[in-house]
């Protein structure tokens, strides 16, 4: 088994954050393969030059998108939930998940 190397992460400037937020919405709604950099740049209100200056490629935007989802979901794991009682192992509170850990939408999205 080889050692896994951490992916390169992007420093989040305000422009990069807008690009990533737009990409997250679009990827979630339409799927990663259905969304191009032209649409991401237009939705973020930035030029393609800004997008490429910050991320270098669509692949890096996808890396950031998936890393962000991973971080959020790891925070939503039962290990992050609160326990009932003071230190007693009496079970997990069903509604004690951190904000943002519930279902996002029940409507159709980019898995088609």
PDB file of N, CA and C in Angstrom:
ATOM      1  N   UNK A   1       0.836  -1.185   0.000  1.00  0.00           N
ATOM      2  CA  UNK A   1       0.000   0.000   0.000  1.00  0.00           C
ATOM      3  C   UNK A   1       0.871   1.235   0.000  1.00  0.00           C
ATOM      4  N   UNK A   2       0.621   2.136  -0.929  1.00  0.00           N
ATOM      5  CA  UNK A   2       1.396   3.367  -1.017  1.00  0.00           C
ATOM      6  C   UNK A   2       0.834   4.437  -0.118  1.00  0.00           C
ATOM      7  N   UNK A   3       1.650   5.414   0.138  1.00  0.00           N
ATOM      8  CA  UNK A   3       1.168   6.518   0.973  1.00  0.00           C
ATOM      9  C   UNK A   3       0.350   7.469   0.104  1.00  0.00           C
ATOM     10  N   UNK A   4      -0.759   7.916   0.657  1.00  0.00           N
ATOM     11  CA  UNK A   4      -1.611   8.844  -0.070  1.00  0.00           C
ATOM     12  C   UNK A   4      -1.161  10.256   0.217  1.00  0.00           C
ATOM     13  N   UNK A   5      -1.022  11.024  -0.814  1.00  0.00           N
ATOM     14  CA  UNK A   5      -0.578  12.399  -0.666  1.00  0.00           C
ATOM     15  C   UNK A   5      -1.806  13.305  -0.610  1.00  0.00           C
ATOM     16  N   UNK A   6      -1.745  14.286   0.275  1.00  0.00           N
ATOM     17  CA  UNK A   6      -2.842  15.242   0.404  1.00  0.00           C
ATOM     18  C   UNK A   6      -2.953  16.085  -0.858  1.00  0.00           C
ATOM     19  N   UNK A   7      -4.167  16.342  -1.341  1.00  0.00           N
ATOM     20  CA  UNK A   7      -4.301  17.193  -2.526  1.00  0.00           C
ATOM     21  C   UNK A   7      -3.905  18.631  -2.200  1.00  0.00           C
ATOM     22  N   UNK A   8      -3.401  19.314  -3.200  1.00  0.00           N
ATOM     23  CA  UNK A   8      -3.066  20.734  -3.053  1.00  0.00           C
ATOM     24  C   UNK A   8      -4.358  21.500  -2.818  1.00  0.00           C
ATOM     25  N   UNK A   9      -4.346  22.403  -1.864  1.00  0.00           N
ATOM     26  CA  UNK A   9      -5.523  23.212  -1.571  1.00  0.00           C
ATOM     27  C   UNK A   9      -5.269  24.651  -1.989  1.00  0.00           C
ATOM     28  N   UNK A  10      -6.322  25.356  -2.316  1.00  0.00           N
ATOM     29  CA  UNK A  10      -6.266  26.727  -2.811  1.00  0.00           C
ATOM     30  C   UNK A  10      -6.491  27.694  -1.655  1.00  0.00           C
ATOM     31  N   UNK A  11      -5.735  28.789  -1.622  1.00  0.00           N
ATOM     32  CA  UNK A  11      -5.967  29.858  -0.653  1.00  0.00           C
ATOM     33  C   UNK A  11      -7.261  30.560  -1.059  1.00  0.00           C
ATOM     34  N   UNK A  12      -8.180  30.670  -0.139  1.00  0.00           N
ATOM     35  CA  UNK A  12      -9.504  31.201  -0.456  1.00  0.00           C
ATOM     36  C   UNK A  12      -9.558  32.724  -0.352  1.00  0.00           C
ATOM     37  N   UNK A  13      -9.376  33.379  -1.498  1.00  0.00           N
ATOM     38  CA  UNK A  13      -9.590  34.817  -1.609  1.00  0.00           C
ATOM     39  C   UNK A  13     -11.098  35.031  -1.796  1.00  0.00           C
ATOM     40  N   UNK A  14     -11.578  36.266  -1.704  1.00  0.00           N
ATOM     41  CA  UNK A  14     -13.015  36.489  -1.943  1.00  0.00           C
ATOM     42  C   UNK A  14     -13.465  35.994  -3.330  1.00  0.00           C
ATOM     43  N   UNK A  15     -12.644  36.215  -4.357  1.00  0.00           N
ATOM     44  CA  UNK A  15     -12.994  35.737  -5.695  1.00  0.00           C
ATOM     45  C   UNK A  15     -13.029  34.216  -5.764  1.00  0.00           C
ATOM     46  N   UNK A  16     -12.057  33.568  -5.132  1.00  0.00           N
ATOM     47  CA  UNK A  16     -12.021  32.102  -5.120  1.00  0.00           C
ATOM     48  C   UNK A  16     -13.228  31.546  -4.365  1.00  0.00           C
ATOM     49  N   UNK A  17     -13.594  32.202  -3.290  1.00  0.00           N
ATOM     50  CA  UNK A  17     -14.756  31.757  -2.506  1.00  0.00           C
ATOM     51  C   UNK A  17     -16.039  31.859  -3.341  1.00  0.00           C
ATOM     52  N   UNK A  18     -16.187  32.953  -4.096  1.00  0.00           N
ATOM     53  CA  UNK A  18     -17.372  33.101  -4.964  1.00  0.00           C
ATOM     54  C   UNK A  18     -17.396  32.003  -6.025  1.00  0.00           C
ATOM     55  N   UNK A  19     -16.237  31.710  -6.601  1.00  0.00           N
ATOM     56  CA  UNK A  19     -16.154  30.644  -7.611  1.00  0.00           C
ATOM     57  C   UNK A  19     -16.565  29.316  -6.987  1.00  0.00           C
ATOM     58  N   UNK A  20     -16.032  29.008  -5.828  1.00  0.00           N
ATOM     59  CA  UNK A  20     -16.334  27.729  -5.184  1.00  0.00           C
ATOM     60  C   UNK A  20     -17.799  27.639  -4.764  1.00  0.00           C
ATOM     61  N   UNK A  21     -18.361  28.714  -4.262  1.00  0.00           N
ATOM     62  CA  UNK A  21     -19.779  28.701  -3.883  1.00  0.00           C
ATOM     63  C   UNK A  21     -20.666  28.482  -5.104  1.00  0.00           C
ATOM     64  N   UNK A  22     -20.344  29.147  -6.205  1.00  0.00           N
ATOM     65  CA  UNK A  22     -21.114  28.944  -7.439  1.00  0.00           C
ATOM     66  C   UNK A  22     -20.955  27.517  -7.935  1.00  0.00           C
ATOM     67  N   UNK A  23     -19.724  27.003  -7.911  1.00  0.00           N
ATOM     68  CA  UNK A  23     -19.471  25.635  -8.363  1.00  0.00           C
ATOM     69  C   UNK A  23     -20.225  24.625  -7.501  1.00  0.00           C
ATOM     70  N   UNK A  24     -20.240  24.842  -6.195  1.00  0.00           N
ATOM     71  CA  UNK A  24     -20.960  23.923  -5.300  1.00  0.00           C
ATOM     72  C   UNK A  24     -22.438  23.857  -5.663  1.00  0.00           C
ATOM     73  N   UNK A  25     -23.050  25.020  -5.868  1.00  0.00           N
ATOM     74  CA  UNK A  25     -24.474  25.050  -6.251  1.00  0.00           C
ATOM     75  C   UNK A  25     -24.688  24.322  -7.568  1.00  0.00           C
ATOM     76  N   UNK A  26     -23.868  24.650  -8.559  1.00  0.00           N
ATOM     77  CA  UNK A  26     -24.038  24.071  -9.896  1.00  0.00           C
ATOM     78  C   UNK A  26     -23.745  22.576  -9.912  1.00  0.00           C
ATOM     79  N   UNK A  27     -22.692  22.144  -9.250  1.00  0.00           N
ATOM     80  CA  UNK A  27     -22.366  20.712  -9.200  1.00  0.00           C
ATOM     81  C   UNK A  27     -23.489  19.942  -8.523  1.00  0.00           C
ATOM     82  N   UNK A  28     -24.012  20.507  -7.445  1.00  0.00           N
ATOM     83  CA  UNK A  28     -25.091  19.835  -6.715  1.00  0.00           C
ATOM     84  C   UNK A  28     -26.350  19.732  -7.570  1.00  0.00           C
ATOM     85  N   UNK A  29     -26.677  20.800  -8.290  1.00  0.00           N
ATOM     86  CA  UNK A  29     -27.904  20.827  -9.086  1.00  0.00           C
ATOM     87  C   UNK A  29     -27.803  20.049 -10.390  1.00  0.00           C
ATOM     88  N   UNK A  30     -26.636  20.099 -11.052  1.00  0.00           N
ATOM     89  CA  UNK A  30     -26.521  19.544 -12.404  1.00  0.00           C
ATOM     90  C   UNK A  30     -25.537  18.391 -12.540  1.00  0.00           C
ATOM     91  N   UNK A  31     -24.671  18.214 -11.562  1.00  0.00           N
ATOM     92  CA  UNK A  31     -23.641  17.184 -11.660  1.00  0.00           C
ATOM     93  C   UNK A  31     -22.324  17.786 -12.130  1.00  0.00           C
ATOM     94  N   UNK A  32     -21.237  17.215 -11.682  1.00  0.00           N
ATOM     95  CA  UNK A  32     -19.911  17.760 -11.970  1.00  0.00           C
ATOM     96  C   UNK A  32     -19.622  17.783 -13.466  1.00  0.00           C
ATOM     97  N   UNK A  33     -19.934  16.704 -14.170  1.00  0.00           N
ATOM     98  CA  UNK A  33     -19.593  16.624 -15.590  1.00  0.00           C
ATOM     99  C   UNK A  33     -20.433  17.543 -16.473  1.00  0.00           C
ATOM    100  N   UNK A  34     -21.600  17.935 -15.989  1.00  0.00           N
ATOM    101  CA  UNK A  34     -22.497  18.760 -16.806  1.00  0.00           C
ATOM    102  C   UNK A  34     -22.195  20.256 -16.702  1.00  0.00           C
ATOM    103  N   UNK A  35     -21.288  20.633 -15.821  1.00  0.00           N
ATOM    104  CA  UNK A  35     -21.012  22.049 -15.563  1.00  0.00           C
ATOM    105  C   UNK A  35     -19.624  22.402 -16.084  1.00  0.00           C
ATOM    106  N   UNK A  36     -19.549  23.467 -16.876  1.00  0.00           N
ATOM    107  CA  UNK A  36     -18.264  23.922 -17.404  1.00  0.00           C
ATOM    108  C   UNK A  36     -17.763  25.168 -16.706  1.00  0.00           C
ATOM    109  N   UNK A  37     -16.511  25.516 -16.973  1.00  0.00           N
ATOM    110  CA  UNK A  37     -15.923  26.682 -16.322  1.00  0.00           C
ATOM    111  C   UNK A  37     -16.590  27.983 -16.776  1.00  0.00           C
ATOM    112  N   UNK A  38     -17.095  28.035 -17.989  1.00  0.00           N
ATOM    113  CA  UNK A  38     -17.793  29.247 -18.445  1.00  0.00           C
ATOM    114  C   UNK A  38     -19.001  29.536 -17.551  1.00  0.00           C
ATOM    115  N   UNK A  39     -19.786  28.509 -17.272  1.00  0.00           N
ATOM    116  CA  UNK A  39     -20.967  28.675 -16.435  1.00  0.00           C
ATOM    117  C   UNK A  39     -20.579  29.016 -14.997  1.00  0.00           C
ATOM    118  N   UNK A  40     -19.563  28.353 -14.460  1.00  0.00           N
ATOM    119  CA  UNK A  40     -19.115  28.647 -13.089  1.00  0.00           C
ATOM    120  C   UNK A  40     -18.679  30.108 -12.985  1.00  0.00           C
ATOM    121  N   UNK A  41     -17.857  30.569 -13.938  1.00  0.00           N
ATOM    122  CA  UNK A  41     -17.374  31.953 -13.919  1.00  0.00           C
ATOM    123  C   UNK A  41     -18.543  32.931 -14.011  1.00  0.00           C
ATOM    124  N   UNK A  42     -19.488  32.657 -14.904  1.00  0.00           N
ATOM    125  CA  UNK A  42     -20.645  33.547 -15.062  1.00  0.00           C
ATOM    126  C   UNK A  42     -21.471  33.606 -13.780  1.00  0.00           C
ATOM    127  N   UNK A  43     -21.732  32.457 -13.173  1.00  0.00           N
ATOM    128  CA  UNK A  43     -22.522  32.414 -11.938  1.00  0.00           C
ATOM    129  C   UNK A  43     -21.799  33.089 -10.776  1.00  0.00           C
ATOM    130  N   UNK A  44     -20.474  33.004 -10.764  1.00  0.00           N
ATOM    131  CA  UNK A  44     -19.687  33.611  -9.684  1.00  0.00           C
ATOM    132  C   UNK A  44     -19.455  35.098  -9.906  1.00  0.00           C
ATOM    133  N   UNK A  45     -19.717  35.564 -11.129  1.00  0.00           N
ATOM    134  CA  UNK A  45     -19.488  36.970 -11.432  1.00  0.00           C
ATOM    135  C   UNK A  45     -18.012  37.317 -11.556  1.00  0.00           C
ATOM    136  N   UNK A  46     -17.229  36.345 -12.035  1.00  0.00           N
ATOM    137  CA  UNK A  46     -15.794  36.572 -12.244  1.00  0.00           C
ATOM    138  C   UNK A  46     -15.453  36.225 -13.686  1.00  0.00           C
ATOM    139  N   UNK A  47     -14.272  36.643 -14.118  1.00  0.00           N
ATOM    140  CA  UNK A  47     -13.817  36.273 -15.453  1.00  0.00           C
ATOM    141  C   UNK A  47     -13.197  34.883 -15.404  1.00  0.00           C
ATOM    142  N   UNK A  48     -13.092  34.261 -16.580  1.00  0.00           N
ATOM    143  CA  UNK A  48     -12.419  32.962 -16.637  1.00  0.00           C
ATOM    144  C   UNK A  48     -10.958  33.109 -16.212  1.00  0.00           C
ATOM    145  N   UNK A  49     -10.354  34.257 -16.495  1.00  0.00           N
ATOM    146  CA  UNK A  49      -8.973  34.491 -16.077  1.00  0.00           C
ATOM    147  C   UNK A  49      -8.859  34.402 -14.556  1.00  0.00           C
ATOM    148  N   UNK A  50      -9.793  35.031 -13.839  1.00  0.00           N
ATOM    149  CA  UNK A  50      -9.785  34.957 -12.373  1.00  0.00           C
ATOM    150  C   UNK A  50      -9.951  33.520 -11.916  1.00  0.00           C
ATOM    151  N   UNK A  51     -10.884  32.806 -12.525  1.00  0.00           N
ATOM    152  CA  UNK A  51     -11.113  31.406 -12.171  1.00  0.00           C
ATOM    153  C   UNK A  51      -9.825  30.593 -12.337  1.00  0.00           C
ATOM    154  N   UNK A  52      -9.174  30.729 -13.490  1.00  0.00           N
ATOM    155  CA  UNK A  52      -7.949  29.972 -13.744  1.00  0.00           C
ATOM    156  C   UNK A  52      -6.782  30.466 -12.897  1.00  0.00           C
ATOM    157  N   UNK A  53      -6.714  31.782 -12.600  1.00  0.00           N
ATOM    158  CA  UNK A  53      -5.659  32.293 -11.720  1.00  0.00           C
ATOM    159  C   UNK A  53      -5.775  31.693 -10.319  1.00  0.00           C
ATOM    160  N   UNK A  54      -6.995  31.534  -9.840  1.00  0.00           N
ATOM    161  CA  UNK A  54      -7.201  31.032  -8.481  1.00  0.00           C
ATOM    162  C   UNK A  54      -7.084  29.508  -8.393  1.00  0.00           C
ATOM    163  N   UNK A  55      -7.633  28.799  -9.387  1.00  0.00           N
ATOM    164  CA  UNK A  55      -7.730  27.342  -9.292  1.00  0.00           C
ATOM    165  C   UNK A  55      -6.843  26.591 -10.279  1.00  0.00           C
ATOM    166  N   UNK A  56      -6.546  27.171 -11.408  1.00  0.00           N
ATOM    167  CA  UNK A  56      -5.692  26.509 -12.387  1.00  0.00           C
ATOM    168  C   UNK A  56      -6.439  25.608 -13.352  1.00  0.00           C
ATOM    169  N   UNK A  57      -7.500  24.969 -12.879  1.00  0.00           N
ATOM    170  CA  UNK A  57      -8.258  24.052 -13.733  1.00  0.00           C
ATOM    171  C   UNK A  57      -9.596  23.733 -13.074  1.00  0.00           C
ATOM    172  N   UNK A  58     -10.500  23.171 -13.859  1.00  0.00           N
ATOM    173  CA  UNK A  58     -11.767  22.704 -13.302  1.00  0.00           C
ATOM    174  C   UNK A  58     -11.498  21.574 -12.320  1.00  0.00           C
ATOM    175  N   UNK A  59     -10.488  20.768 -12.607  1.00  0.00           N
ATOM    176  CA  UNK A  59     -10.153  19.657 -11.709  1.00  0.00           C
ATOM    177  C   UNK A  59      -9.867  20.153 -10.293  1.00  0.00           C
ATOM    178  N   UNK A  60      -9.159  21.273 -10.167  1.00  0.00           N
ATOM    179  CA  UNK A  60      -8.864  21.809  -8.835  1.00  0.00           C
ATOM    180  C   UNK A  60     -10.117  22.344  -8.162  1.00  0.00           C
ATOM    181  N   UNK A  61     -11.042  22.888  -8.934  1.00  0.00           N
ATOM    182  CA  UNK A  61     -12.327  23.320  -8.359  1.00  0.00           C
ATOM    183  C   UNK A  61     -13.054  22.103  -7.797  1.00  0.00           C
ATOM    184  N   UNK A  62     -13.027  21.000  -8.544  1.00  0.00           N
ATOM    185  CA  UNK A  62     -13.666  19.764  -8.076  1.00  0.00           C
ATOM    186  C   UNK A  62     -12.988  19.259  -6.806  1.00  0.00           C
ATOM    187  N   UNK A  63     -11.658  19.319  -6.752  1.00  0.00           N
ATOM    188  CA  UNK A  63     -10.922  18.906  -5.540  1.00  0.00           C
ATOM    189  C   UNK A  63     -11.399  19.725  -4.343  1.00  0.00           C
ATOM    190  N   UNK A  64     -11.485  21.036  -4.511  1.00  0.00           N
ATOM    191  CA  UNK A  64     -11.930  21.911  -3.415  1.00  0.00           C
ATOM    192  C   UNK A  64     -13.378  21.619  -3.021  1.00  0.00           C
ATOM    193  N   UNK A  65     -14.215  21.405  -4.018  1.00  0.00           N
ATOM    194  CA  UNK A  65     -15.632  21.082  -3.765  1.00  0.00           C
ATOM    195  C   UNK A  65     -15.750  19.797  -2.949  1.00  0.00           C
ATOM    196  N   UNK A  66     -15.057  18.753  -3.382  1.00  0.00           N
ATOM    197  CA  UNK A  66     -15.144  17.463  -2.687  1.00  0.00           C
ATOM    198  C   UNK A  66     -14.488  17.521  -1.313  1.00  0.00           C
ATOM    199  N   UNK A  67     -13.389  18.248  -1.181  1.00  0.00           N
ATOM    200  CA  UNK A  67     -12.740  18.390   0.126  1.00  0.00           C
ATOM    201  C   UNK A  67     -13.658  19.120   1.101  1.00  0.00           C
ATOM    202  N   UNK A  68     -14.349  20.143   0.620  1.00  0.00           N
ATOM    203  CA  UNK A  68     -15.294  20.867   1.467  1.00  0.00           C
ATOM    204  C   UNK A  68     -16.455  19.996   1.911  1.00  0.00           C
ATOM    205  N   UNK A  69     -16.977  19.207   0.987  1.00  0.00           N
ATOM    206  CA  UNK A  69     -18.070  18.281   1.344  1.00  0.00           C
ATOM    207  C   UNK A  69     -17.584  17.260   2.366  1.00  0.00           C
ATOM    208  N   UNK A  70     -16.374  16.752   2.152  1.00  0.00           N
ATOM    209  CA  UNK A  70     -15.806  15.780   3.085  1.00  0.00           C
ATOM    210  C   UNK A  70     -15.670  16.375   4.482  1.00  0.00           C
ATOM    211  N   UNK A  71     -15.150  17.599   4.563  1.00  0.00           N
ATOM    212  CA  UNK A  71     -15.000  18.252   5.868  1.00  0.00           C
ATOM    213  C   UNK A  71     -16.340  18.448   6.555  1.00  0.00           C
ATOM    214  N   UNK A  72     -17.345  18.874   5.780  1.00  0.00           N
ATOM    215  CA  UNK A  72     -18.679  19.064   6.373  1.00  0.00           C
ATOM    216  C   UNK A  72     -19.263  17.745   6.851  1.00  0.00           C
ATOM    217  N   UNK A  73     -19.151  16.695   6.052  1.00  0.00           N
ATOM    218  CA  UNK A  73     -19.729  15.408   6.435  1.00  0.00           C
ATOM    219  C   UNK A  73     -18.998  14.780   7.602  1.00  0.00           C
ATOM    220  N   UNK A  74     -17.687  14.956   7.675  1.00  0.00           N
ATOM    221  CA  UNK A  74     -16.956  14.431   8.834  1.00  0.00           C
ATOM    222  C   UNK A  74     -17.416  15.115  10.106  1.00  0.00           C
ATOM    223  N   UNK A  75     -17.764  16.394  10.006  1.00  0.00           N
ATOM    224  CA  UNK A  75     -18.305  17.111  11.151  1.00  0.00           C
ATOM    225  C   UNK A  75     -19.700  16.646  11.509  1.00  0.00           C
ATOM    226  N   UNK A  76     -20.357  15.954  10.595  1.00  0.00           N
ATOM    227  CA  UNK A  76     -21.721  15.464  10.816  1.00  0.00           C
ATOM    228  C   UNK A  76     -21.752  14.017  11.291  1.00  0.00           C
ATOM    229  N   UNK A  77     -20.601  13.400  11.445  1.00  0.00           N
ATOM    230  CA  UNK A  77     -20.575  11.997  11.859  1.00  0.00           C
ATOM    231  C   UNK A  77     -21.029  11.883  13.314  1.00  0.00           C
ATOM    232  N   UNK A  78     -21.480  10.707  13.719  1.00  0.00           N
ATOM    233  CA  UNK A  78     -21.927  10.540  15.107  1.00  0.00           C
ATOM    234  C   UNK A  78     -20.876  10.952  16.128  1.00  0.00           C
ATOM    235  N   UNK A  79     -19.592  10.847  15.799  1.00  0.00           N
ATOM    236  CA  UNK A  79     -18.553  11.266  16.738  1.00  0.00           C
ATOM    237  C   UNK A  79     -18.661  12.755  17.050  1.00  0.00           C
ATOM    238  N   UNK A  80     -19.240  13.521  16.143  1.00  0.00           N
ATOM    239  CA  UNK A  80     -19.404  14.955  16.358  1.00  0.00           C
ATOM    240  C   UNK A  80     -20.725  15.318  17.024  1.00  0.00           C
ATOM    241  N   UNK A  81     -21.626  14.357  17.198  1.00  0.00           N
ATOM    242  CA  UNK A  81     -22.919  14.625  17.813  1.00  0.00           C
ATOM    243  C   UNK A  81     -22.760  14.694  19.326  1.00  0.00           C
ATOM    244  N   UNK A  82     -23.713  15.326  19.988  1.00  0.00           N
ATOM    245  CA  UNK A  82     -23.649  15.405  21.441  1.00  0.00           C
ATOM    246  C   UNK A  82     -24.335  14.186  22.049  1.00  0.00           C
ATOM    247  N   UNK A  83     -23.863  13.822  23.228  1.00  0.00           N
ATOM    248  CA  UNK A  83     -24.459  12.691  23.952  1.00  0.00           C
ATOM    249  C   UNK A  83     -25.461  13.202  24.968  1.00  0.00           C
ATOM    250  N   UNK A  84     -26.407  12.339  25.296  1.00  0.00           N
ATOM    251  CA  UNK A  84     -27.365  12.677  26.345  1.00  0.00           C
ATOM    252  C   UNK A  84     -26.676  12.543  27.696  1.00  0.00           C
ATOM    253  N   UNK A  85     -27.073  13.350  28.610  1.00  0.00           N
ATOM    254  CA  UNK A  85     -26.543  13.245  29.964  1.00  0.00           C
ATOM    255  C   UNK A  85     -25.141  13.818  30.064  1.00  0.00           C
ATOM    256  N   UNK A  86     -24.621  13.794  31.249  1.00  0.00           N
ATOM    257  CA  UNK A  86     -23.280  14.330  31.487  1.00  0.00           C
ATOM    258  C   UNK A  86     -22.274  13.196  31.495  1.00  0.00           C
ATOM    259  N   UNK A  87     -21.706  12.924  30.309  1.00  0.00           N
ATOM    260  CA  UNK A  87     -20.683  11.905  30.214  1.00  0.00           C
ATOM    261  C   UNK A  87     -21.210  10.481  30.213  1.00  0.00           C
ATOM    262  N   UNK A  88     -22.499  10.311  30.385  1.00  0.00           N
ATOM    263  CA  UNK A  88     -23.055   8.953  30.385  1.00  0.00           C
ATOM    264  C   UNK A  88     -23.285   8.508  28.955  1.00  0.00           C
ATOM    265  N   UNK A  89     -23.077   7.256  28.696  1.00  0.00           N
ATOM    266  CA  UNK A  89     -23.330   6.703  27.366  1.00  0.00           C
ATOM    267  C   UNK A  89     -24.772   6.207  27.323  1.00  0.00           C
ATOM    268  N   UNK A  90     -25.679   7.115  27.135  1.00  0.00           N
ATOM    269  CA  UNK A  90     -27.094   6.756  27.115  1.00  0.00           C
ATOM    270  C   UNK A  90     -27.679   6.839  25.715  1.00  0.00           C
ATOM    271  N   UNK A  91     -26.844   7.033  24.727  1.00  0.00           N
ATOM    272  CA  UNK A  91     -27.336   7.090  23.355  1.00  0.00           C
ATOM    273  C   UNK A  91     -27.163   8.466  22.761  1.00  0.00           C
ATOM    274  N   UNK A  92     -27.407   8.552  21.482  1.00  0.00           N
ATOM    275  CA  UNK A  92     -27.242   9.812  20.756  1.00  0.00           C
ATOM    276  C   UNK A  92     -28.557  10.544  20.696  1.00  0.00           C
ATOM    277  N   UNK A  93     -28.491  11.845  20.794  1.00  0.00           N
ATOM    278  CA  UNK A  93     -29.684  12.662  20.610  1.00  0.00           C
ATOM    279  C   UNK A  93     -29.990  12.706  19.125  1.00  0.00           C
ATOM    280  N   UNK A  94     -31.188  12.376  18.725  1.00  0.00           N
ATOM    281  CA  UNK A  94     -31.485  12.323  17.294  1.00  0.00           C
ATOM    282  C   UNK A  94     -31.433  13.675  16.593  1.00  0.00           C
ATOM    283  N   UNK A  95     -31.595  14.777  17.318  1.00  0.00           N
ATOM    284  CA  UNK A  95     -31.615  16.087  16.668  1.00  0.00           C
ATOM    285  C   UNK A  95     -30.471  16.971  17.145  1.00  0.00           C
ATOM    286  N   UNK A  96     -29.354  16.357  17.489  1.00  0.00           N
ATOM    287  CA  UNK A  96     -28.248  17.142  18.024  1.00  0.00           C
ATOM    288  C   UNK A  96     -27.115  17.310  17.026  1.00  0.00           C
ATOM    289  N   UNK A  97     -27.390  17.067  15.753  1.00  0.00           N
ATOM    290  CA  UNK A  97     -26.349  17.243  14.744  1.00  0.00           C
ATOM    291  C   UNK A  97     -25.999  18.716  14.584  1.00  0.00           C
ATOM    292  N   UNK A  98     -24.774  19.005  14.209  1.00  0.00           N
ATOM    293  CA  UNK A  98     -24.396  20.399  13.965  1.00  0.00           C
ATOM    294  C   UNK A  98     -25.219  20.994  12.832  1.00  0.00           C
ATOM    295  N   UNK A  99     -25.372  22.315  12.799  1.00  0.00           N
ATOM    296  CA  UNK A  99     -26.124  22.958  11.714  1.00  0.00           C
ATOM    297  C   UNK A  99     -25.538  22.587  10.353  1.00  0.00           C
ATOM    298  N   UNK A 100     -26.411  22.378   9.385  1.00  0.00           N
ATOM    299  CA  UNK A 100     -25.956  22.066   8.036  1.00  0.00           C
ATOM    300  C   UNK A 100     -25.726  20.594   7.790  1.00  0.00           C
ATOM    301  N   UNK A 101     -26.021  19.741   8.763  1.00  0.00           N
ATOM    302  CA  UNK A 101     -25.759  18.315   8.601  1.00  0.00           C
ATOM    303  C   UNK A 101     -26.991  17.527   8.194  1.00  0.00           C
ATOM    304  N   UNK A 102     -28.113  18.201   8.072  1.00  0.00           N
ATOM    305  CA  UNK A 102     -29.327  17.509   7.654  1.00  0.00           C
ATOM    306  C   UNK A 102     -29.378  17.375   6.152  1.00  0.00           C
ATOM    307  N   UNK A 103     -30.472  16.862   5.664  1.00  0.00           N
ATOM    308  CA  UNK A 103     -30.643  16.749   4.218  1.00  0.00           C
ATOM    309  C   UNK A 103     -30.770  18.125   3.613  1.00  0.00           C
ATOM    310  N   UNK A 104     -30.133  18.296   2.480  1.00  0.00           N
ATOM    311  CA  UNK A 104     -30.135  19.606   1.837  1.00  0.00           C
ATOM    312  C   UNK A 104     -31.411  19.833   1.040  1.00  0.00           C
ATOM    313  N   UNK A 105     -31.845  18.813   0.337  1.00  0.00           N
ATOM    314  CA  UNK A 105     -33.008  18.963  -0.515  1.00  0.00           C
ATOM    315  C   UNK A 105     -33.575  17.588  -0.815  1.00  0.00           C
ATOM    316  N   UNK A 106     -34.860  17.525  -1.035  1.00  0.00           N
ATOM    317  CA  UNK A 106     -35.455  16.248  -1.439  1.00  0.00           C
ATOM    318  C   UNK A 106     -35.755  16.218  -2.923  1.00  0.00           C
ATOM    319  N   UNK A 107     -35.514  17.331  -3.609  1.00  0.00           N
ATOM    320  CA  UNK A 107     -35.788  17.420  -5.036  1.00  0.00           C
ATOM    321  C   UNK A 107     -34.699  16.760  -5.875  1.00  0.00           C
ATOM    322  N   UNK A 108     -34.964  16.621  -7.167  1.00  0.00           N
ATOM    323  CA  UNK A 108     -33.966  15.999  -8.046  1.00  0.00           C
ATOM    324  C   UNK A 108     -32.726  16.883  -8.144  1.00  0.00           C
ATOM    325  N   UNK A 109     -31.585  16.231  -8.359  1.00  0.00           N
ATOM    326  CA  UNK A 109     -30.345  16.969  -8.543  1.00  0.00           C
ATOM    327  C   UNK A 109     -29.428  16.188  -9.453  1.00  0.00           C
ATOM    328  N   UNK A 110     -28.252  16.707  -9.741  1.00  0.00           N
ATOM    329  CA  UNK A 110     -27.367  16.241 -10.784  1.00  0.00           C
ATOM    330  C   UNK A 110     -26.858  14.827 -10.754  1.00  0.00           C
ATOM    331  N   UNK A 111     -27.661  13.865 -10.395  1.00  0.00           N
ATOM    332  CA  UNK A 111     -27.199  12.481 -10.406  1.00  0.00           C
ATOM    333  C   UNK A 111     -27.723  11.721 -11.620  1.00  0.00           C
ATOM    334  N   UNK A 112     -28.396  12.409 -12.500  1.00  0.00           N
ATOM    335  CA  UNK A 112     -28.986  11.743 -13.652  1.00  0.00           C
ATOM    336  C   UNK A 112     -27.958  11.358 -14.684  1.00  0.00           C
TER     337      UNK A 112
END
